Amino acid sequence: MSFAQIAMHRSRGLLAGALVATAAFGVSSAAVADEALWGALEEGGKVVLLRHTESEEAEAEKSMHLATDGDCSAEVQLTGEGRAQAEALGKVLKERGIEVSAVVSSEFCRARQTADGAFGEYERWDALNLIAAMPEGESEWLIEDVRDRMSEHSGEGNLFLVTHRPNINTMVFENVDAGSLVVMRPEGMGSVEVLGVIPVEDYYGSDR
């Protein structure tokens, strides 16, 4: 049985109680939902798929190019805004006391720059690389490796995986903007529970 068949169920139980109060207090449901997700991260033991923050626009050929020597000048990189977003995320995580047990990043420069700006330390993993740039015939089993790692995560800290929109969409059926976080609860046996998405606007921007 495939991961998609057994694992990708959604849960809004985490948010249900919080959303009931929105009408009485005049708070938007989106704001309450985001706060509940931050609370889940503060509890620990969650897995986060983080799409890299804002990057340069480029032709498909350059967007898919991965420099074998790690030289970012030949790749798509973060914009100044993207770098600021990554730093803002790291600051919010520290302010909230959210424990980070591990950070794993795609080998692409825009993902590594996001991981470096937000967390400082991280490991690289080719299984998080842009799907379209993976060697022919290898994407399916590499994505399965990521799914297994997500579902088996344990401990008090949170696991952050920095990757790309097509990868996130393939694994958890969420089409997210740059800098967004998909928060999940690992359940083992190839299963995760998707709790929701924290958009970049919730930790970066003038209205924060």
C-alpha atoms as a PDB file:
ATOM      1  CA  MET A   1       0.000   0.000   0.000  1.00  0.00           C
ATOM      2  CA  SER A   2       1.399   3.407  -0.963  1.00  0.00           C
ATOM      3  CA  PHE A   3       2.104   6.296   1.366  1.00  0.00           C
ATOM      4  CA  ALA A   4      -0.587   8.331  -0.373  1.00  0.00           C
ATOM      5  CA  GLN A   5      -3.155   5.629   0.346  1.00  0.00           C
ATOM      6  CA  ILE A   6      -2.466   5.261   4.054  1.00  0.00           C
ATOM      7  CA  ALA A   7      -0.800   8.415   5.273  1.00  0.00           C
ATOM      8  CA  MET A   8      -2.073  11.695   3.927  1.00  0.00           C
ATOM      9  CA  HIS A   9      -5.049  12.357   6.106  1.00  0.00           C
ATOM     10  CA  ARG A  10      -5.796  15.829   7.374  1.00  0.00           C
ATOM     11  CA  SER A  11      -6.595  16.765  10.929  1.00  0.00           C
ATOM     12  CA  ARG A  12      -8.139  19.948  12.170  1.00  0.00           C
ATOM     13  CA  GLY A  13      -8.850  18.638  15.677  1.00  0.00           C
ATOM     14  CA  LEU A  14      -5.914  20.707  16.898  1.00  0.00           C
ATOM     15  CA  LEU A  15      -7.669  23.839  15.695  1.00  0.00           C
ATOM     16  CA  ALA A  16     -11.325  23.119  16.345  1.00  0.00           C
ATOM     17  CA  GLY A  17     -11.517  24.476  19.879  1.00  0.00           C
ATOM     18  CA  ALA A  18      -9.580  27.608  19.029  1.00  0.00           C
ATOM     19  CA  LEU A  19     -11.726  28.440  16.015  1.00  0.00           C
ATOM     20  CA  VAL A  20     -14.940  28.413  18.050  1.00  0.00           C
ATOM     21  CA  ALA A  21     -13.853  31.578  19.835  1.00  0.00           C
ATOM     22  CA  THR A  22     -13.049  33.649  16.771  1.00  0.00           C
ATOM     23  CA  ALA A  23     -16.482  35.218  16.303  1.00  0.00           C
ATOM     24  CA  ALA A  24     -16.807  36.283  19.926  1.00  0.00           C
ATOM     25  CA  PHE A  25     -13.434  37.990  20.053  1.00  0.00           C
ATOM     26  CA  GLY A  26     -13.245  39.352  16.526  1.00  0.00           C
ATOM     27  CA  VAL A  27     -10.084  37.447  15.658  1.00  0.00           C
ATOM     28  CA  SER A  28      -9.653  36.058  12.155  1.00  0.00           C
ATOM     29  CA  SER A  29      -9.843  32.286  11.887  1.00  0.00           C
ATOM     30  CA  ALA A  30      -6.561  32.268   9.951  1.00  0.00           C
ATOM     31  CA  ALA A  31      -4.746  34.015  12.803  1.00  0.00           C
ATOM     32  CA  VAL A  32      -6.128  31.594  15.370  1.00  0.00           C
ATOM     33  CA  ALA A  33      -5.263  28.616  13.179  1.00  0.00           C
ATOM     34  CA  ASP A  34      -1.686  29.842  12.785  1.00  0.00           C
ATOM     35  CA  GLU A  35      -1.344  30.332  16.534  1.00  0.00           C
ATOM     36  CA  ALA A  36      -2.538  26.785  17.172  1.00  0.00           C
ATOM     37  CA  LEU A  37       0.105  25.503  14.760  1.00  0.00           C
ATOM     38  CA  TRP A  38       2.844  27.502  16.478  1.00  0.00           C
ATOM     39  CA  GLY A  39       1.597  25.964  19.716  1.00  0.00           C
ATOM     40  CA  ALA A  40       1.964  22.504  18.209  1.00  0.00           C
ATOM     41  CA  LEU A  41       5.596  23.298  17.380  1.00  0.00           C
ATOM     42  CA  GLU A  42       6.156  24.560  20.912  1.00  0.00           C
ATOM     43  CA  GLU A  43       4.947  21.160  22.169  1.00  0.00           C
ATOM     44  CA  GLY A  44       7.655  19.529  20.070  1.00  0.00           C
ATOM     45  CA  GLY A  45       7.852  16.219  18.300  1.00  0.00           C
ATOM     46  CA  LYS A  46       6.542  17.563  14.986  1.00  0.00           C
ATOM     47  CA  VAL A  47       7.875  17.474  11.436  1.00  0.00           C
ATOM     48  CA  VAL A  48       7.939  20.572   9.224  1.00  0.00           C
ATOM     49  CA  LEU A  49       8.286  20.725   5.468  1.00  0.00           C
ATOM     50  CA  LEU A  50       9.624  24.224   4.797  1.00  0.00           C
ATOM     51  CA  ARG A  51       9.604  25.572   1.277  1.00  0.00           C
ATOM     52  CA  HIS A  52      12.690  27.730   0.708  1.00  0.00           C
ATOM     53  CA  THR A  53      12.038  31.450   1.048  1.00  0.00           C
ATOM     54  CA  GLU A  54      11.755  33.925  -1.845  1.00  0.00           C
ATOM     55  CA  SER A  55      14.243  33.262  -4.648  1.00  0.00           C
ATOM     56  CA  GLU A  56      15.272  34.888  -7.889  1.00  0.00           C
ATOM     57  CA  GLU A  57      13.197  34.406 -11.007  1.00  0.00           C
ATOM     58  CA  ALA A  58      14.966  32.340 -13.628  1.00  0.00           C
ATOM     59  CA  GLU A  59      14.478  30.218 -16.696  1.00  0.00           C
ATOM     60  CA  ALA A  60      13.635  26.569 -16.066  1.00  0.00           C
ATOM     61  CA  GLU A  61      17.117  25.440 -17.076  1.00  0.00           C
ATOM     62  CA  LYS A  62      18.800  27.555 -14.415  1.00  0.00           C
ATOM     63  CA  SER A  63      16.097  26.807 -11.855  1.00  0.00           C
ATOM     64  CA  MET A  64      16.830  23.085 -12.195  1.00  0.00           C
ATOM     65  CA  HIS A  65      20.616  23.470 -12.242  1.00  0.00           C
ATOM     66  CA  LEU A  66      22.519  22.075  -9.254  1.00  0.00           C
ATOM     67  CA  ALA A  67      26.186  23.060  -9.171  1.00  0.00           C
ATOM     68  CA  THR A  68      28.261  19.982  -8.404  1.00  0.00           C
ATOM     69  CA  ASP A  69      30.928  22.114  -6.726  1.00  0.00           C
ATOM     70  CA  GLY A  70      28.415  23.956  -4.541  1.00  0.00           C
ATOM     71  CA  ASP A  71      29.065  27.278  -6.264  1.00  0.00           C
ATOM     72  CA  CYS A  72      25.879  29.291  -5.856  1.00  0.00           C
ATOM     73  CA  SER A  73      26.794  31.799  -8.565  1.00  0.00           C
ATOM     74  CA  ALA A  74      25.592  29.314 -11.185  1.00  0.00           C
ATOM     75  CA  GLU A  75      22.315  28.601  -9.404  1.00  0.00           C
ATOM     76  CA  VAL A  76      19.120  30.390  -8.466  1.00  0.00           C
ATOM     77  CA  GLN A  77      19.671  32.097  -5.116  1.00  0.00           C
ATOM     78  CA  LEU A  78      17.522  33.823  -2.527  1.00  0.00           C
ATOM     79  CA  THR A  79      16.617  37.455  -3.045  1.00  0.00           C
ATOM     80  CA  GLY A  80      17.349  39.984  -0.339  1.00  0.00           C
ATOM     81  CA  GLU A  81      13.739  39.558   0.749  1.00  0.00           C
ATOM     82  CA  GLY A  82      14.195  35.798   0.880  1.00  0.00           C
ATOM     83  CA  ARG A  83      17.249  36.126   3.111  1.00  0.00           C
ATOM     84  CA  ALA A  84      15.320  38.447   5.429  1.00  0.00           C
ATOM     85  CA  GLN A  85      12.438  35.961   5.561  1.00  0.00           C
ATOM     86  CA  ALA A  86      14.766  33.141   6.569  1.00  0.00           C
ATOM     87  CA  GLU A  87      16.324  35.249   9.317  1.00  0.00           C
ATOM     88  CA  ALA A  88      12.869  36.270  10.549  1.00  0.00           C
ATOM     89  CA  LEU A  89      11.814  32.641  10.811  1.00  0.00           C
ATOM     90  CA  GLY A  90      14.869  31.794  12.867  1.00  0.00           C
ATOM     91  CA  LYS A  91      14.162  34.719  15.179  1.00  0.00           C
ATOM     92  CA  VAL A  92      10.538  33.686  15.731  1.00  0.00           C
ATOM     93  CA  LEU A  93      11.523  30.105  16.499  1.00  0.00           C
ATOM     94  CA  LYS A  94      13.950  31.335  19.155  1.00  0.00           C
ATOM     95  CA  GLU A  95      11.464  33.826  20.606  1.00  0.00           C
ATOM     96  CA  ARG A  96       8.869  31.086  20.984  1.00  0.00           C
ATOM     97  CA  GLY A  97      11.326  28.615  22.460  1.00  0.00           C
ATOM     98  CA  ILE A  98      10.630  26.083  19.717  1.00  0.00           C
ATOM     99  CA  GLU A  99      13.109  23.228  19.956  1.00  0.00           C
ATOM    100  CA  VAL A 100      14.787  22.189  16.731  1.00  0.00           C
ATOM    101  CA  SER A 101      16.215  18.672  16.877  1.00  0.00           C
ATOM    102  CA  ALA A 102      17.480  18.547  13.290  1.00  0.00           C
ATOM    103  CA  VAL A 103      17.478  20.562  10.079  1.00  0.00           C
ATOM    104  CA  VAL A 104      17.894  18.816   6.737  1.00  0.00           C
ATOM    105  CA  SER A 105      18.100  20.703   3.444  1.00  0.00           C
ATOM    106  CA  SER A 106      17.983  20.144  -0.259  1.00  0.00           C
ATOM    107  CA  GLU A 107      21.395  20.550  -1.866  1.00  0.00           C
ATOM    108  CA  PHE A 108      20.150  23.445  -4.009  1.00  0.00           C
ATOM    109  CA  CYS A 109      21.583  26.825  -3.010  1.00  0.00           C
ATOM    110  CA  ARG A 110      18.226  28.503  -2.403  1.00  0.00           C
ATOM    111  CA  ALA A 111      17.285  25.794   0.078  1.00  0.00           C
ATOM    112  CA  ARG A 112      20.682  25.791   1.770  1.00  0.00           C
ATOM    113  CA  GLN A 113      20.606  29.578   2.076  1.00  0.00           C
ATOM    114  CA  THR A 114      17.190  29.311   3.733  1.00  0.00           C
ATOM    115  CA  ALA A 115      18.443  26.679   6.167  1.00  0.00           C
ATOM    116  CA  ASP A 116      21.549  28.697   6.959  1.00  0.00           C
ATOM    117  CA  GLY A 117      19.626  31.935   7.496  1.00  0.00           C
ATOM    118  CA  ALA A 118      16.955  30.388   9.695  1.00  0.00           C
ATOM    119  CA  PHE A 119      18.907  27.748  11.623  1.00  0.00           C
ATOM    120  CA  GLY A 120      22.636  28.165  11.035  1.00  0.00           C
ATOM    121  CA  GLU A 121      23.435  24.460  11.136  1.00  0.00           C
ATOM    122  CA  TYR A 122      21.949  21.837   8.841  1.00  0.00           C
ATOM    123  CA  GLU A 123      22.733  18.697   6.887  1.00  0.00           C
ATOM    124  CA  ARG A 124      22.342  18.259   3.137  1.00  0.00           C
ATOM    125  CA  TRP A 125      20.261  15.462   1.656  1.00  0.00           C
ATOM    126  CA  ASP A 126      19.792  14.719  -2.021  1.00  0.00           C
ATOM    127  CA  ALA A 127      16.359  13.204  -1.332  1.00  0.00           C
ATOM    128  CA  LEU A 128      15.084  16.771  -0.750  1.00  0.00           C
ATOM    129  CA  ASN A 129      16.407  18.086  -4.066  1.00  0.00           C
ATOM    130  CA  LEU A 130      14.006  19.443  -6.658  1.00  0.00           C
ATOM    131  CA  ILE A 131      12.142  16.426  -8.044  1.00  0.00           C
ATOM    132  CA  ALA A 132      12.555  17.455 -11.682  1.00  0.00           C
ATOM    133  CA  ALA A 133      16.329  17.581 -11.236  1.00  0.00           C
ATOM    134  CA  MET A 134      16.659  14.129  -9.657  1.00  0.00           C
ATOM    135  CA  PRO A 135      18.370  11.405 -11.696  1.00  0.00           C
ATOM    136  CA  GLU A 136      15.967   9.585 -13.987  1.00  0.00           C
ATOM    137  CA  GLY A 137      14.258   6.693 -12.250  1.00  0.00           C
ATOM    138  CA  GLU A 138      15.382   7.712  -8.750  1.00  0.00           C
ATOM    139  CA  SER A 139      12.779  10.277  -7.676  1.00  0.00           C
ATOM    140  CA  GLU A 140      10.210   7.771  -6.464  1.00  0.00           C
ATOM    141  CA  TRP A 141      12.456   5.948  -4.032  1.00  0.00           C
ATOM    142  CA  LEU A 142      14.136   9.161  -2.867  1.00  0.00           C
ATOM    143  CA  ILE A 143      10.729  10.643  -2.016  1.00  0.00           C
ATOM    144  CA  GLU A 144       9.849   7.429  -0.181  1.00  0.00           C
ATOM    145  CA  ASP A 145      13.002   7.862   1.903  1.00  0.00           C
ATOM    146  CA  VAL A 146      11.779  11.320   2.933  1.00  0.00           C
ATOM    147  CA  ARG A 147       8.336   9.977   3.783  1.00  0.00           C
ATOM    148  CA  ASP A 148       9.857   7.273   5.952  1.00  0.00           C
ATOM    149  CA  ARG A 149      12.047   9.775   7.783  1.00  0.00           C
ATOM    150  CA  MET A 150       9.078  12.059   8.434  1.00  0.00           C
ATOM    151  CA  SER A 151       6.842   9.295   9.757  1.00  0.00           C
ATOM    152  CA  GLU A 152       9.515   7.830  12.048  1.00  0.00           C
ATOM    153  CA  HIS A 153      10.634  11.097  13.667  1.00  0.00           C
ATOM    154  CA  SER A 154      10.550  10.963  17.463  1.00  0.00           C
ATOM    155  CA  GLY A 155      11.768  12.940  20.435  1.00  0.00           C
ATOM    156  CA  GLU A 156      10.969  16.292  22.010  1.00  0.00           C
ATOM    157  CA  GLY A 157      12.391  18.474  19.253  1.00  0.00           C
ATOM    158  CA  ASN A 158      10.999  19.256  15.817  1.00  0.00           C
ATOM    159  CA  LEU A 159      12.455  18.059  12.524  1.00  0.00           C
ATOM    160  CA  PHE A 160      12.678  20.714   9.776  1.00  0.00           C
ATOM    161  CA  LEU A 161      13.080  19.650   6.141  1.00  0.00           C
ATOM    162  CA  VAL A 162      13.898  22.471   3.708  1.00  0.00           C
ATOM    163  CA  THR A 163      12.834  21.655   0.176  1.00  0.00           C
ATOM    164  CA  HIS A 164      10.863  22.790  -2.887  1.00  0.00           C
ATOM    165  CA  ARG A 165       7.210  23.309  -3.806  1.00  0.00           C
ATOM    166  CA  PRO A 166       6.901  20.314  -6.194  1.00  0.00           C
ATOM    167  CA  ASN A 167       8.337  18.024  -3.510  1.00  0.00           C
ATOM    168  CA  ILE A 168       5.933  19.288  -0.861  1.00  0.00           C
ATOM    169  CA  ASN A 169       2.989  19.012  -3.228  1.00  0.00           C
ATOM    170  CA  THR A 170       3.971  15.454  -4.125  1.00  0.00           C
ATOM    171  CA  MET A 171       4.388  14.322  -0.522  1.00  0.00           C
ATOM    172  CA  VAL A 172       1.545  16.054   1.301  1.00  0.00           C
ATOM    173  CA  PHE A 173      -0.635  17.559  -1.445  1.00  0.00           C
ATOM    174  CA  GLU A 174      -0.067  21.153  -0.285  1.00  0.00           C
ATOM    175  CA  ASN A 175       0.774  23.796  -2.923  1.00  0.00           C
ATOM    176  CA  VAL A 176       2.521  26.349  -0.712  1.00  0.00           C
ATOM    177  CA  ASP A 177       4.130  29.735  -1.285  1.00  0.00           C
ATOM    178  CA  ALA A 178       7.807  30.418  -0.658  1.00  0.00           C
ATOM    179  CA  GLY A 179       8.672  30.407   3.040  1.00  0.00           C
ATOM    180  CA  SER A 180       5.558  28.510   4.131  1.00  0.00           C
ATOM    181  CA  LEU A 181       5.707  25.703   6.694  1.00  0.00           C
ATOM    182  CA  VAL A 182       3.631  22.516   6.553  1.00  0.00           C
ATOM    183  CA  VAL A 183       3.309  21.237  10.129  1.00  0.00           C
ATOM    184  CA  MET A 184       2.817  17.501  10.655  1.00  0.00           C
ATOM    185  CA  ARG A 185       2.585  14.949  13.431  1.00  0.00           C
ATOM    186  CA  PRO A 186       4.545  11.739  12.731  1.00  0.00           C
ATOM    187  CA  GLU A 187       2.593   8.543  13.306  1.00  0.00           C
ATOM    188  CA  GLY A 188       5.061   5.841  12.241  1.00  0.00           C
ATOM    189  CA  MET A 189       4.510   3.086   9.688  1.00  0.00           C
ATOM    190  CA  GLY A 190       4.764   5.539   6.803  1.00  0.00           C
ATOM    191  CA  SER A 191       2.092   7.865   8.146  1.00  0.00           C
ATOM    192  CA  VAL A 192       1.994  11.541   9.100  1.00  0.00           C
ATOM    193  CA  GLU A 193      -0.921  13.716  10.136  1.00  0.00           C
ATOM    194  CA  VAL A 194      -0.986  17.091   8.384  1.00  0.00           C
ATOM    195  CA  LEU A 195      -1.983  19.688  10.985  1.00  0.00           C
ATOM    196  CA  GLY A 196      -1.909  22.733   8.708  1.00  0.00           C
ATOM    197  CA  VAL A 197       0.182  25.371   6.962  1.00  0.00           C
ATOM    198  CA  ILE A 198       1.847  28.445   8.466  1.00  0.00           C
ATOM    199  CA  PRO A 199       2.284  31.045   5.678  1.00  0.00           C
ATOM    200  CA  VAL A 200       5.350  33.257   5.440  1.00  0.00           C
ATOM    201  CA  GLU A 201       3.182  36.297   6.240  1.00  0.00           C
ATOM    202  CA  ASP A 202       2.660  34.963   9.746  1.00  0.00           C
ATOM    203  CA  TYR A 203       6.304  35.475  10.727  1.00  0.00           C
ATOM    204  CA  TYR A 204       7.460  38.095   8.214  1.00  0.00           C
ATOM    205  CA  GLY A 205       5.850  41.341   7.150  1.00  0.00           C
ATOM    206  CA  SER A 206       4.619  44.679   8.374  1.00  0.00           C
ATOM    207  CA  ASP A 207       1.338  43.267   9.666  1.00  0.00           C
ATOM    208  CA  ARG A 208       2.971  40.668  11.902  1.00  0.00           C
END
